[in-house]
C-alpha atoms as a PDB file:
ATOM      1  CA  MET A   1      27.152  52.629 140.910  1.00  0.00           C
ATOM      2  CA  LYS A   2      30.542  51.435 139.814  1.00  0.00           C
ATOM      3  CA  GLY A   3      29.976  47.976 141.276  1.00  0.00           C
ATOM      4  CA  LYS A   4      26.564  47.646 139.586  1.00  0.00           C
ATOM      5  CA  TRP A   5      28.058  48.583 136.202  1.00  0.00           C
ATOM      6  CA  LYS A   6      30.618  45.773 136.447  1.00  0.00           C
ATOM      7  CA  SER A   7      27.939  43.261 137.452  1.00  0.00           C
ATOM      8  CA  SER A   8      25.802  44.288 134.481  1.00  0.00           C
ATOM      9  CA  ASN A   9      28.739  43.745 132.123  1.00  0.00           C
ATOM     10  CA  ARG A  10      29.243  40.220 133.463  1.00  0.00           C
ATOM     11  CA  LYS A  11      25.582  39.300 132.943  1.00  0.00           C
ATOM     12  CA  ILE A  12      25.559  40.613 129.368  1.00  0.00           C
ATOM     13  CA  GLY A  13      28.782  38.761 128.577  1.00  0.00           C
ATOM     14  CA  LEU A  14      27.486  35.474 129.926  1.00  0.00           C
ATOM     15  CA  SER A  15      24.248  35.778 127.992  1.00  0.00           C
ATOM     16  CA  THR A  16      26.132  36.485 124.793  1.00  0.00           C
ATOM     17  CA  VAL A  17      28.374  33.461 125.280  1.00  0.00           C
ATOM     18  CA  LEU A  18      25.415  31.168 125.903  1.00  0.00           C
ATOM     19  CA  LEU A  19      23.626  32.513 122.816  1.00  0.00           C
ATOM     20  CA  LEU A  20      26.665  31.958 120.589  1.00  0.00           C
ATOM     21  CA  CYS A  21      27.137  28.428 121.928  1.00  0.00           C
ATOM     22  CA  SER A  22      23.501  27.604 121.201  1.00  0.00           C
ATOM     23  CA  LEU A  23      23.750  28.955 117.653  1.00  0.00           C
ATOM     24  CA  ALA A  24      26.940  26.952 117.034  1.00  0.00           C
ATOM     25  CA  PHE A  25      25.304  23.756 118.319  1.00  0.00           C
ATOM     26  CA  LEU A  26      22.209  24.230 116.151  1.00  0.00           C
ATOM     27  CA  SER A  27      24.261  25.044 113.060  1.00  0.00           C
ATOM     28  CA  GLY A  28      26.246  21.856 113.591  1.00  0.00           C
ATOM     29  CA  LEU A  29      23.062  19.811 113.622  1.00  0.00           C
ATOM     30  CA  PHE A  30      21.148  21.339 110.715  1.00  0.00           C
ATOM     31  CA  VAL A  31      23.653  22.928 108.322  1.00  0.00           C
ATOM     32  CA  PRO A  32      25.219  19.627 107.093  1.00  0.00           C
ATOM     33  CA  THR A  33      21.734  18.180 106.569  1.00  0.00           C
ATOM     34  CA  PHE A  34      20.666  21.257 104.580  1.00  0.00           C
ATOM     35  CA  PHE A  35      23.674  21.196 102.242  1.00  0.00           C
ATOM     36  CA  PHE A  36      24.000  17.444 101.779  1.00  0.00           C
ATOM     37  CA  GLN A  37      20.408  16.273 101.854  1.00  0.00           C
ATOM     38  CA  ASP A  38      20.547  15.430  98.135  1.00  0.00           C
ATOM     39  CA  ALA A  39      23.878  13.596  98.339  1.00  0.00           C
ATOM     40  CA  PRO A  40      23.712   9.911  97.344  1.00  0.00           C
ATOM     41  CA  ILE A  41      23.872   7.352 100.133  1.00  0.00           C
ATOM     42  CA  ILE A  42      26.922   5.098  99.722  1.00  0.00           C
ATOM     43  CA  ARG A  43      26.036   1.502 100.444  1.00  0.00           C
ATOM     44  CA  PRO A  44      28.663  -1.281 100.638  1.00  0.00           C
ATOM     45  CA  ASN A  45      28.972  -3.517  97.617  1.00  0.00           C
ATOM     46  CA  PRO A  46      27.571  -6.989  98.524  1.00  0.00           C
ATOM     47  CA  ARG A  47      30.437  -8.613  96.623  1.00  0.00           C
ATOM     48  CA  MET A  48      32.973  -6.632  98.661  1.00  0.00           C
ATOM     49  CA  LEU A  49      31.358  -7.805 101.889  1.00  0.00           C
ATOM     50  CA  GLU A  50      31.532 -11.385 100.630  1.00  0.00           C
ATOM     51  CA  VAL A  51      35.250 -11.021  99.845  1.00  0.00           C
ATOM     52  CA  VAL A  52      35.900  -9.604 103.304  1.00  0.00           C
ATOM     53  CA  ARG A  53      34.084 -12.521 104.914  1.00  0.00           C
ATOM     54  CA  GLU A  54      36.117 -14.985 102.847  1.00  0.00           C
ATOM     55  CA  LYS A  55      39.408 -13.371 103.874  1.00  0.00           C
ATOM     56  CA  GLU A  56      38.487 -13.701 107.530  1.00  0.00           C
ATOM     57  CA  TYR A  57      38.651 -17.489 107.189  1.00  0.00           C
ATOM     58  CA  ARG A  58      41.658 -17.730 104.888  1.00  0.00           C
ATOM     59  CA  ASP A  59      45.165 -18.687 105.886  1.00  0.00           C
ATOM     60  CA  PRO A  60      46.968 -15.404 106.693  1.00  0.00           C
ATOM     61  CA  MET A  61      49.930 -16.722 104.668  1.00  0.00           C
ATOM     62  CA  PRO A  62      48.410 -18.276 101.509  1.00  0.00           C
ATOM     63  CA  ASN A  63      50.477 -20.183  98.968  1.00  0.00           C
ATOM     64  CA  GLY A  64      52.127 -18.115  96.291  1.00  0.00           C
ATOM     65  CA  VAL A  65      55.384 -17.161  94.664  1.00  0.00           C
ATOM     66  CA  THR A  66      56.797 -15.780  97.927  1.00  0.00           C
ATOM     67  CA  GLY A  67      54.443 -17.408 100.426  1.00  0.00           C
ATOM     68  CA  GLU A  68      54.761 -20.704 102.235  1.00  0.00           C
ATOM     69  CA  SER A  69      52.376 -23.613 102.499  1.00  0.00           C
ATOM     70  CA  SER A  70      51.913 -23.124 106.227  1.00  0.00           C
ATOM     71  CA  ILE A  71      52.936 -20.968 109.152  1.00  0.00           C
ATOM     72  CA  GLU A  72      55.910 -22.530 110.872  1.00  0.00           C
ATOM     73  CA  SER A  73      56.798 -21.693 114.446  1.00  0.00           C
ATOM     74  CA  ILE A  74      60.485 -22.090 115.297  1.00  0.00           C
ATOM     75  CA  PRO A  75      60.910 -21.608 119.059  1.00  0.00           C
ATOM     76  CA  PHE A  76      64.335 -20.717 120.408  1.00  0.00           C
ATOM     77  CA  GLN A  77      66.162 -19.654 123.547  1.00  0.00           C
ATOM     78  CA  VAL A  78      68.962 -17.099 123.829  1.00  0.00           C
ATOM     79  CA  LEU A  79      72.001 -18.691 125.468  1.00  0.00           C
ATOM     80  CA  SER A  80      74.367 -15.756 125.132  1.00  0.00           C
ATOM     81  CA  TRP A  81      74.395 -12.274 123.598  1.00  0.00           C
ATOM     82  CA  LYS A  82      78.177 -11.952 123.366  1.00  0.00           C
ATOM     83  CA  PRO A  83      79.127 -14.180 121.721  1.00  0.00           C
ATOM     84  CA  ARG A  84      75.617 -14.535 120.304  1.00  0.00           C
ATOM     85  CA  ALA A  85      74.239 -18.060 120.671  1.00  0.00           C
ATOM     86  CA  TYR A  86      70.701 -19.418 120.263  1.00  0.00           C
ATOM     87  CA  TYR A  87      69.261 -22.803 121.183  1.00  0.00           C
ATOM     88  CA  PHE A  88      66.601 -24.338 118.899  1.00  0.00           C
ATOM     89  CA  PRO A  89      64.985 -27.439 120.454  1.00  0.00           C
ATOM     90  CA  ASN A  90      63.654 -30.095 118.051  1.00  0.00           C
ATOM     91  CA  PHE A  91      65.054 -28.192 115.061  1.00  0.00           C
ATOM     92  CA  ALA A  92      65.143 -31.381 112.978  1.00  0.00           C
ATOM     93  CA  THR A  93      62.940 -34.419 113.336  1.00  0.00           C
ATOM     94  CA  MET A  94      64.298 -37.784 114.415  1.00  0.00           C
ATOM     95  CA  GLU A  95      63.642 -39.135 110.906  1.00  0.00           C
ATOM     96  CA  GLN A  96      65.632 -36.285 109.345  1.00  0.00           C
ATOM     97  CA  CYS A  97      68.565 -36.867 111.697  1.00  0.00           C
ATOM     98  CA  GLU A  98      68.559 -40.592 110.962  1.00  0.00           C
ATOM     99  CA  ARG A  99      68.545 -39.852 107.235  1.00  0.00           C
ATOM    100  CA  VAL A 100      71.608 -37.603 107.572  1.00  0.00           C
ATOM    101  CA  ILE A 101      73.415 -40.282 109.612  1.00  0.00           C
ATOM    102  CA  GLU A 102      72.649 -42.963 106.993  1.00  0.00           C
ATOM    103  CA  MET A 103      73.962 -40.730 104.212  1.00  0.00           C
ATOM    104  CA  ALA A 104      77.142 -39.802 106.066  1.00  0.00           C
ATOM    105  CA  LYS A 105      78.314 -43.047 107.674  1.00  0.00           C
ATOM    106  CA  VAL A 106      79.440 -44.637 104.395  1.00  0.00           C
ATOM    107  CA  HIS A 107      81.672 -41.632 103.640  1.00  0.00           C
ATOM    108  CA  LEU A 108      83.286 -41.068 107.055  1.00  0.00           C
ATOM    109  CA  LYS A 109      87.034 -40.570 107.184  1.00  0.00           C
ATOM    110  CA  PRO A 110      89.493 -38.993 109.675  1.00  0.00           C
ATOM    111  CA  SER A 111      88.643 -35.317 110.145  1.00  0.00           C
ATOM    112  CA  GLY A 112      90.981 -32.850 108.506  1.00  0.00           C
ATOM    113  CA  LEU A 113      92.699 -29.919 110.203  1.00  0.00           C
ATOM    114  CA  ALA A 114      93.593 -26.542 108.693  1.00  0.00           C
ATOM    115  CA  LEU A 115      97.263 -25.862 109.431  1.00  0.00           C
ATOM    116  CA  ARG A 116      98.624 -22.497 110.467  1.00  0.00           C
ATOM    117  CA  LYS A 117     101.953 -21.192 109.277  1.00  0.00           C
ATOM    118  CA  GLY A 118     104.723 -23.325 110.732  1.00  0.00           C
ATOM    119  CA  GLU A 119     102.412 -26.229 111.734  1.00  0.00           C
ATOM    120  CA  THR A 120     102.686 -29.772 110.377  1.00  0.00           C
ATOM    121  CA  GLU A 121     100.476 -32.843 110.579  1.00  0.00           C
ATOM    122  CA  GLU A 122     102.924 -34.371 113.035  1.00  0.00           C
ATOM    123  CA  SER A 123     103.003 -31.342 115.347  1.00  0.00           C
ATOM    124  CA  THR A 124      99.192 -31.140 115.422  1.00  0.00           C
ATOM    125  CA  LYS A 125      98.581 -34.842 115.841  1.00  0.00           C
ATOM    126  CA  GLY A 126      95.911 -35.463 118.458  1.00  0.00           C
ATOM    127  CA  THR A 127      94.327 -32.000 118.091  1.00  0.00           C
ATOM    128  CA  ARG A 128      91.336 -33.474 116.278  1.00  0.00           C
ATOM    129  CA  THR A 129      90.541 -37.162 116.531  1.00  0.00           C
ATOM    130  CA  SER A 130      87.003 -37.386 115.150  1.00  0.00           C
ATOM    131  CA  SER A 131      85.849 -38.689 111.787  1.00  0.00           C
ATOM    132  CA  GLY A 132      83.578 -36.876 109.372  1.00  0.00           C
ATOM    133  CA  THR A 133      82.464 -36.022 105.866  1.00  0.00           C
ATOM    134  CA  PHE A 134      80.758 -33.271 103.886  1.00  0.00           C
ATOM    135  CA  LEU A 135      77.252 -33.645 102.442  1.00  0.00           C
ATOM    136  CA  SER A 136      75.581 -31.375  99.914  1.00  0.00           C
ATOM    137  CA  ALA A 137      71.832 -30.864  99.623  1.00  0.00           C
ATOM    138  CA  SER A 138      72.119 -31.281  95.859  1.00  0.00           C
ATOM    139  CA  ASP A 139      73.263 -34.892  96.406  1.00  0.00           C
ATOM    140  CA  ASP A 140      70.297 -35.785  98.628  1.00  0.00           C
ATOM    141  CA  GLU A 141      67.466 -37.214  96.543  1.00  0.00           C
ATOM    142  CA  THR A 142      65.073 -37.272  99.508  1.00  0.00           C
ATOM    143  CA  GLY A 143      65.240 -33.482  99.968  1.00  0.00           C
ATOM    144  CA  THR A 144      66.000 -33.800 103.691  1.00  0.00           C
ATOM    145  CA  LEU A 145      69.083 -31.588 103.618  1.00  0.00           C
ATOM    146  CA  ASP A 146      67.303 -29.050 101.449  1.00  0.00           C
ATOM    147  CA  LEU A 147      64.497 -28.751 104.014  1.00  0.00           C
ATOM    148  CA  ILE A 148      67.000 -28.248 106.834  1.00  0.00           C
ATOM    149  CA  GLU A 149      68.853 -25.628 104.794  1.00  0.00           C
ATOM    150  CA  LYS A 150      65.611 -23.748 104.135  1.00  0.00           C
ATOM    151  CA  LYS A 151      64.836 -23.752 107.844  1.00  0.00           C
ATOM    152  CA  ILE A 152      68.317 -22.448 108.669  1.00  0.00           C
ATOM    153  CA  ALA A 153      67.930 -19.709 106.070  1.00  0.00           C
ATOM    154  CA  LYS A 154      64.606 -18.716 107.604  1.00  0.00           C
ATOM    155  CA  VAL A 155      65.854 -18.269 111.160  1.00  0.00           C
ATOM    156  CA  THR A 156      69.096 -16.537 110.125  1.00  0.00           C
ATOM    157  CA  SER A 157      67.626 -14.372 107.329  1.00  0.00           C
ATOM    158  CA  ILE A 158      70.647 -15.392 105.240  1.00  0.00           C
ATOM    159  CA  PRO A 159      70.029 -16.778 101.716  1.00  0.00           C
ATOM    160  CA  GLN A 160      70.231 -20.546 101.413  1.00  0.00           C
ATOM    161  CA  ASN A 161      72.948 -20.439  98.740  1.00  0.00           C
ATOM    162  CA  ASN A 162      75.297 -18.637 101.160  1.00  0.00           C
ATOM    163  CA  GLY A 163      75.727 -21.755 103.272  1.00  0.00           C
ATOM    164  CA  GLU A 164      78.445 -24.375 103.156  1.00  0.00           C
ATOM    165  CA  ALA A 165      77.993 -28.095 102.697  1.00  0.00           C
ATOM    166  CA  PHE A 166      76.952 -30.032 105.801  1.00  0.00           C
ATOM    167  CA  ASN A 167      79.955 -31.190 107.804  1.00  0.00           C
ATOM    168  CA  VAL A 168      78.833 -34.381 109.562  1.00  0.00           C
ATOM    169  CA  LEU A 169      81.109 -35.386 112.459  1.00  0.00           C
ATOM    170  CA  ARG A 170      81.295 -38.539 114.545  1.00  0.00           C
ATOM    171  CA  TYR A 171      82.899 -38.539 117.979  1.00  0.00           C
ATOM    172  CA  GLU A 172      83.401 -41.895 119.612  1.00  0.00           C
ATOM    173  CA  ILE A 173      84.167 -42.271 123.322  1.00  0.00           C
ATOM    174  CA  GLY A 174      87.499 -40.559 124.054  1.00  0.00           C
ATOM    175  CA  GLN A 175      87.657 -38.600 120.788  1.00  0.00           C
ATOM    176  CA  LYS A 176      87.779 -34.793 120.819  1.00  0.00           C
ATOM    177  CA  TYR A 177      88.610 -31.554 119.040  1.00  0.00           C
ATOM    178  CA  ASP A 178      90.696 -29.009 120.944  1.00  0.00           C
ATOM    179  CA  SER A 179      89.317 -25.478 121.457  1.00  0.00           C
ATOM    180  CA  HIS A 180      89.449 -23.517 118.198  1.00  0.00           C
ATOM    181  CA  TYR A 181      87.890 -20.736 116.126  1.00  0.00           C
ATOM    182  CA  ASP A 182      85.601 -21.369 113.169  1.00  0.00           C
ATOM    183  CA  ALA A 183      87.108 -18.395 111.299  1.00  0.00           C
ATOM    184  CA  PHE A 184      90.568 -18.404 109.758  1.00  0.00           C
ATOM    185  CA  ASN A 185      92.801 -15.413 110.452  1.00  0.00           C
ATOM    186  CA  PRO A 186      94.618 -14.649 107.161  1.00  0.00           C
ATOM    187  CA  SER A 187      97.750 -13.681 109.119  1.00  0.00           C
ATOM    188  CA  GLU A 188      97.876 -17.237 110.534  1.00  0.00           C
ATOM    189  CA  TYR A 189      96.319 -19.332 107.762  1.00  0.00           C
ATOM    190  CA  GLY A 190      97.127 -17.280 104.684  1.00  0.00           C
ATOM    191  CA  PRO A 191      94.699 -15.592 102.235  1.00  0.00           C
ATOM    192  CA  GLN A 192      91.091 -16.825 102.472  1.00  0.00           C
ATOM    193  CA  SER A 193      88.513 -16.758  99.676  1.00  0.00           C
ATOM    194  CA  SER A 194      85.684 -16.477 102.223  1.00  0.00           C
ATOM    195  CA  GLN A 195      85.049 -16.426 105.946  1.00  0.00           C
ATOM    196  CA  ARG A 196      82.453 -18.165 108.073  1.00  0.00           C
ATOM    197  CA  VAL A 197      80.208 -15.649 109.858  1.00  0.00           C
ATOM    198  CA  TRP A 198      77.893 -18.087 111.628  1.00  0.00           C
ATOM    199  CA  SER A 199      77.804 -21.772 112.475  1.00  0.00           C
ATOM    200  CA  TYR A 200      75.015 -24.284 113.118  1.00  0.00           C
ATOM    201  CA  ARG A 201      75.543 -27.273 115.380  1.00  0.00           C
ATOM    202  CA  LEU A 202      72.786 -29.711 114.516  1.00  0.00           C
ATOM    203  CA  HIS A 203      72.332 -32.586 116.966  1.00  0.00           C
ATOM    204  CA  ARG A 204      69.694 -35.308 117.115  1.00  0.00           C
ATOM    205  CA  PHE A 205      67.294 -33.245 119.176  1.00  0.00           C
ATOM    206  CA  CYS A 206      68.375 -29.635 118.888  1.00  0.00           C
ATOM    207  CA  CYS A 207      70.393 -27.041 117.052  1.00  0.00           C
ATOM    208  CA  ILE A 208      72.824 -24.414 118.320  1.00  0.00           C
ATOM    209  CA  TYR A 209      73.294 -21.237 116.275  1.00  0.00           C
ATOM    210  CA  LEU A 210      76.552 -19.366 116.886  1.00  0.00           C
ATOM    211  CA  MET A 211      77.381 -15.979 115.399  1.00  0.00           C
END
């Protein structure tokens, strides 16, 4: 008798569960329809659909106050993480490089050298034997230097007006510049109004970014 009583309880419990599940399923189907049968049907605005279709074919970066005329891909390769160095192939076009050379060659003069405490021009003679000059984008009527500066600012995320003038250098066969730092230690060179935090080496076909 005891075993039959337990079996009866199981059958009643299973039937109850099935009944409740059926009621829940039916209520889910018909209750929302009953309560919301008079609700208005929201149809998409034809004009909105037209705008969406137009956006699908638009440039993802349209012209504007902060936009650019086109998407520009600037490929690069990591040469070193410490110190950090990147290689940008074809950073400037051949025409741009030739323009910079034409601007600079009429102003070339022996490269200068920052002297540390106790150094003299005589004692450092032969440290740097190249010739060079400085060019500013504001002096370039063609806008070539300005375009290069904008590209540098884009890849470094540093504002364009934070950069220095372009230092164009010419090394003939046998000329050189001994190993050195691009920053100036105040304890060696005296007080500095600013310090260089990154450097771009722009060549005819590529650019090296050092930080």
